[in-house]
């Protein structure tokens, strides 16, 4: 069992470019990262246990159909 603050991909090797920041209003850490053809966000209170929060991507009309790079919020 791993005990470090790493979030591992489950279904794609295109899982990269994490941006982590503190969100004062929710008192949580937020991680935004590129995952294949979408951007996903996760939240954590301790930088170790992450929960999926939301995603957006290629299902939005007019958005590009490639791999997202370096998302920043």
Protein backbone atom coordinates (compact mmCIF):
# COMPACT_ATOMS: atom_id res chain seq x y z
CA UNK A 1 0.00 0.00 0.00
CA UNK A 2 1.28 3.43 -0.93
CA UNK A 3 1.28 6.12 1.70
CA UNK A 4 2.28 9.18 -0.23
CA UNK A 5 0.20 11.96 -1.85
CA UNK A 6 0.12 10.49 -5.35
CA UNK A 7 -2.98 10.09 -7.46
CA UNK A 8 -2.54 7.31 -10.03
CA UNK A 9 -4.28 7.03 -13.40
CA UNK A 10 -6.74 4.20 -13.79
CA UNK A 11 -7.62 4.18 -17.47
CA UNK A 12 -5.12 6.22 -19.52
CA UNK A 13 -1.40 7.01 -19.71
CA UNK A 14 -2.36 10.64 -20.55
CA UNK A 15 -2.59 11.76 -16.91
CA UNK A 16 -0.38 14.76 -16.26
CA UNK A 17 0.34 18.43 -15.56
CA UNK A 18 -1.21 18.72 -12.08
CA UNK A 19 -1.96 22.15 -10.66
CA UNK A 20 -2.61 22.07 -6.89
CA UNK A 21 -3.91 25.02 -4.90
CA UNK A 22 -5.65 25.79 -1.61
CA UNK A 23 -9.33 26.77 -1.90
CA UNK A 24 -10.09 28.92 1.14
CA UNK A 25 -13.90 28.82 0.87
CA UNK A 26 -14.09 25.02 1.02
CA UNK A 27 -10.98 24.56 3.21
CA UNK A 28 -9.71 21.98 0.73
CA UNK A 29 -6.84 21.44 -1.63
CA UNK A 30 -7.87 21.26 -5.28
CA UNK A 31 -5.93 19.45 -7.99
CA UNK A 32 -6.67 20.17 -11.65
CA UNK A 33 -4.99 17.94 -14.21
CA UNK A 34 -5.03 16.89 -17.83
CA UNK A 35 -6.49 13.43 -18.39
CA UNK A 36 -6.58 12.49 -22.06
CA UNK A 37 -9.35 14.52 -23.77
CA UNK A 38 -10.60 16.24 -20.61
CA UNK A 39 -9.62 18.21 -17.54
CA UNK A 40 -10.44 16.62 -14.18
CA UNK A 41 -10.48 18.10 -10.70
CA UNK A 42 -10.02 16.38 -7.36
CA UNK A 43 -10.24 17.67 -3.78
CA UNK A 44 -8.40 16.77 -0.59
CA UNK A 45 -8.25 18.02 2.98
CA UNK A 46 -4.78 16.56 3.61
CA UNK A 47 -2.94 16.27 0.25
CA UNK A 48 -3.01 12.48 0.57
CA UNK A 49 -6.62 11.35 0.13
CA UNK A 50 -8.14 12.67 -3.09
CA UNK A 51 -11.78 12.58 -4.21
CA UNK A 52 -12.97 13.13 -7.76
CA UNK A 53 -14.88 16.45 -7.99
CA UNK A 54 -15.64 17.15 -11.67
CA UNK A 55 -14.53 16.94 -15.29
CA UNK A 56 -15.04 18.67 -18.61
CA UNK A 57 -13.67 18.10 -22.06
CA UNK A 58 -14.38 16.79 -25.52
CA UNK A 59 -18.10 16.39 -24.82
CA UNK A 60 -18.49 20.22 -24.89
CA UNK A 61 -19.56 21.51 -28.34
CA UNK A 62 -16.82 23.51 -30.06
CA UNK A 63 -14.00 22.41 -27.77
CA UNK A 64 -10.92 20.86 -29.34
CA UNK A 65 -10.74 17.09 -29.77
CA UNK A 66 -7.14 16.56 -28.66
CA UNK A 67 -5.27 16.03 -25.45
CA UNK A 68 -5.38 18.88 -22.94
CA UNK A 69 -2.07 20.38 -21.87
CA UNK A 70 -1.12 22.19 -18.62
CA UNK A 71 -4.55 23.24 -17.31
CA UNK A 72 -4.41 26.22 -14.97
CA UNK A 73 -7.17 27.77 -12.92
